[in-house]
C-alpha atoms as a PDB file:
ATOM      1  CA  GLY A   1     -29.859  14.378   8.944  1.00  0.00           C
ATOM      2  CA  VAL A   2     -27.475  14.554   6.030  1.00  0.00           C
ATOM      3  CA  LEU A   3     -26.505  17.258   3.551  1.00  0.00           C
ATOM      4  CA  VAL A   4     -24.215  16.573   0.676  1.00  0.00           C
ATOM      5  CA  LEU A   5     -22.352  19.544  -1.007  1.00  0.00           C
ATOM      6  CA  MET A   6     -20.605  19.670  -4.169  1.00  0.00           C
ATOM      7  CA  HIS A   7     -18.198  22.253  -5.393  1.00  0.00           C
ATOM      8  CA  GLU A   8     -19.058  23.378  -9.056  1.00  0.00           C
ATOM      9  CA  PRO A   9     -17.276  26.083 -11.184  1.00  0.00           C
ATOM     10  CA  ASP A  10     -20.121  28.686 -10.648  1.00  0.00           C
ATOM     11  CA  ASP A  11     -21.981  27.729  -7.597  1.00  0.00           C
ATOM     12  CA  MET A  12     -21.885  25.581  -4.662  1.00  0.00           C
ATOM     13  CA  LEU A  13     -24.397  22.637  -5.247  1.00  0.00           C
ATOM     14  CA  ILE A  14     -26.559  21.240  -2.356  1.00  0.00           C
ATOM     15  CA  TYR A  15     -26.884  18.067  -3.953  1.00  0.00           C
ATOM     16  CA  SER A  16     -28.887  16.323  -1.216  1.00  0.00           C
ATOM     17  CA  VAL A  17     -30.436  17.292   2.131  1.00  0.00           C
ATOM     18  CA  ALA A  18     -32.529  14.885   4.212  1.00  0.00           C
ATOM     19  CA  ILE A  19     -33.779  14.630   7.782  1.00  0.00           C
ATOM     20  CA  ALA A  20     -35.063  11.323   9.350  1.00  0.00           C
ATOM     21  CA  PRO A  21     -38.846  11.470   9.793  1.00  0.00           C
ATOM     22  CA  ALA A  22     -38.757  11.183  13.415  1.00  0.00           C
ATOM     23  CA  TYR A  23     -36.566  14.488  13.638  1.00  0.00           C
ATOM     24  CA  GLN A  24     -38.526  16.539  11.126  1.00  0.00           C
ATOM     25  CA  LYS A  25     -40.162  19.893  12.077  1.00  0.00           C
ATOM     26  CA  ARG A  26     -37.280  20.669  14.634  1.00  0.00           C
ATOM     27  CA  GLY A  27     -35.484  23.152  12.563  1.00  0.00           C
ATOM     28  CA  LEU A  28     -32.616  20.838  11.687  1.00  0.00           C
ATOM     29  CA  GLY A  29     -33.004  21.228   7.991  1.00  0.00           C
ATOM     30  CA  ARG A  30     -32.825  25.077   8.216  1.00  0.00           C
ATOM     31  CA  GLN A  31     -29.685  24.396  10.426  1.00  0.00           C
ATOM     32  CA  LEU A  32     -28.105  22.291   7.802  1.00  0.00           C
ATOM     33  CA  LEU A  33     -28.968  24.811   4.855  1.00  0.00           C
ATOM     34  CA  ALA A  34     -27.548  27.614   6.924  1.00  0.00           C
ATOM     35  CA  TRP A  35     -24.371  25.519   7.465  1.00  0.00           C
ATOM     36  CA  ALA A  36     -24.077  24.827   3.761  1.00  0.00           C
ATOM     37  CA  GLU A  37     -24.452  28.659   2.866  1.00  0.00           C
ATOM     38  CA  ALA A  38     -21.658  29.543   5.419  1.00  0.00           C
ATOM     39  CA  GLU A  39     -19.436  26.767   3.868  1.00  0.00           C
ATOM     40  CA  ALA A  40     -20.176  28.181   0.334  1.00  0.00           C
ATOM     41  CA  ARG A  41     -19.520  31.785   1.400  1.00  0.00           C
ATOM     42  CA  GLN A  42     -16.084  30.465   3.195  1.00  0.00           C
ATOM     43  CA  ALA A  43     -15.328  28.739  -0.113  1.00  0.00           C
ATOM     44  CA  GLY A  44     -15.633  32.077  -2.027  1.00  0.00           C
ATOM     45  CA  TYR A  45     -19.037  31.299  -3.860  1.00  0.00           C
ATOM     46  CA  ALA A  46     -21.465  34.084  -4.575  1.00  0.00           C
ATOM     47  CA  HIS A  47     -24.229  31.822  -4.996  1.00  0.00           C
ATOM     48  CA  ILE A  48     -25.629  28.351  -3.741  1.00  0.00           C
ATOM     49  CA  ARG A  49     -28.153  26.181  -5.593  1.00  0.00           C
ATOM     50  CA  LEU A  50     -30.075  23.081  -5.281  1.00  0.00           C
ATOM     51  CA  PHE A  51     -32.829  20.863  -7.024  1.00  0.00           C
ATOM     52  CA  THR A  52     -35.903  19.401  -5.838  1.00  0.00           C
ATOM     53  CA  ASN A  53     -38.969  17.262  -6.959  1.00  0.00           C
ATOM     54  CA  ALA A  54     -41.816  19.594  -8.020  1.00  0.00           C
ATOM     55  CA  LEU A  55     -44.111  17.690  -5.719  1.00  0.00           C
ATOM     56  CA  MET A  56     -42.127  18.563  -2.697  1.00  0.00           C
ATOM     57  CA  GLU A  57     -44.315  21.737  -2.370  1.00  0.00           C
ATOM     58  CA  ALA A  58     -43.464  22.260   1.441  1.00  0.00           C
ATOM     59  CA  ASN A  59     -39.752  21.998   0.555  1.00  0.00           C
ATOM     60  CA  ILE A  60     -39.945  24.515  -2.191  1.00  0.00           C
ATOM     61  CA  ALA A  61     -41.883  26.841   0.034  1.00  0.00           C
ATOM     62  CA  LEU A  62     -39.270  26.592   2.720  1.00  0.00           C
ATOM     63  CA  TYR A  63     -36.514  27.271   0.205  1.00  0.00           C
ATOM     64  CA  THR A  64     -38.447  30.242  -1.014  1.00  0.00           C
ATOM     65  CA  ARG A  65     -38.716  31.724   2.457  1.00  0.00           C
ATOM     66  CA  LEU A  66     -35.093  31.134   3.044  1.00  0.00           C
ATOM     67  CA  GLY A  67     -34.165  33.379  -0.184  1.00  0.00           C
ATOM     68  CA  TYR A  68     -33.905  30.681  -2.971  1.00  0.00           C
ATOM     69  CA  VAL A  69     -35.357  31.603  -6.314  1.00  0.00           C
ATOM     70  CA  GLU A  70     -36.630  29.115  -8.928  1.00  0.00           C
ATOM     71  CA  THR A  71     -34.372  29.157 -11.998  1.00  0.00           C
ATOM     72  CA  GLY A  72     -35.832  26.512 -14.013  1.00  0.00           C
ATOM     73  CA  CYS A  73     -37.689  23.328 -14.228  1.00  0.00           C
ATOM     74  CA  GLU A  74     -37.003  20.113 -16.216  1.00  0.00           C
ATOM     75  CA  PRO A  75     -38.648  16.766 -16.767  1.00  0.00           C
ATOM     76  CA  PHE A  76     -36.730  13.744 -15.379  1.00  0.00           C
ATOM     77  CA  HIS A  77     -38.341  10.378 -15.905  1.00  0.00           C
ATOM     78  CA  ASP A  78     -41.808  10.784 -14.476  1.00  0.00           C
ATOM     79  CA  LEU A  79     -40.948  13.700 -12.289  1.00  0.00           C
ATOM     80  CA  THR A  80     -40.401  17.501 -12.865  1.00  0.00           C
ATOM     81  CA  ILE A  81     -37.166  18.751 -11.347  1.00  0.00           C
ATOM     82  CA  VAL A  82     -37.033  22.406 -10.044  1.00  0.00           C
ATOM     83  CA  HIS A  83     -33.858  24.094  -9.879  1.00  0.00           C
ATOM     84  CA  MET A  84     -33.413  26.959  -7.257  1.00  0.00           C
ATOM     85  CA  ARG A  85     -30.481  29.289  -6.545  1.00  0.00           C
ATOM     86  CA  LYS A  86     -29.787  31.834  -3.718  1.00  0.00           C
ATOM     87  CA  PRO A  87     -27.080  34.683  -3.711  1.00  0.00           C
ATOM     88  CA  LEU A  88     -24.902  34.603  -0.696  1.00  0.00           C
END
């Protein structure tokens, strides 16, 4: 798995998170997200945010269960990007 964090002025951004298909459905994504949230807290952020493709409904459902809230959508080429944010 991989997770890329970016320090931004107002929020920590999860720029990318991915788990190899052979290792999905084992909780590794949730562990990476928990690690990212801990890193954001340690860095003094009050929020963490991410974005995803609107077609990734299972991912959006997971993020929602974990406390992320949709903050907006925007078109990007042939896709719709969903922005989400979570208070820490």
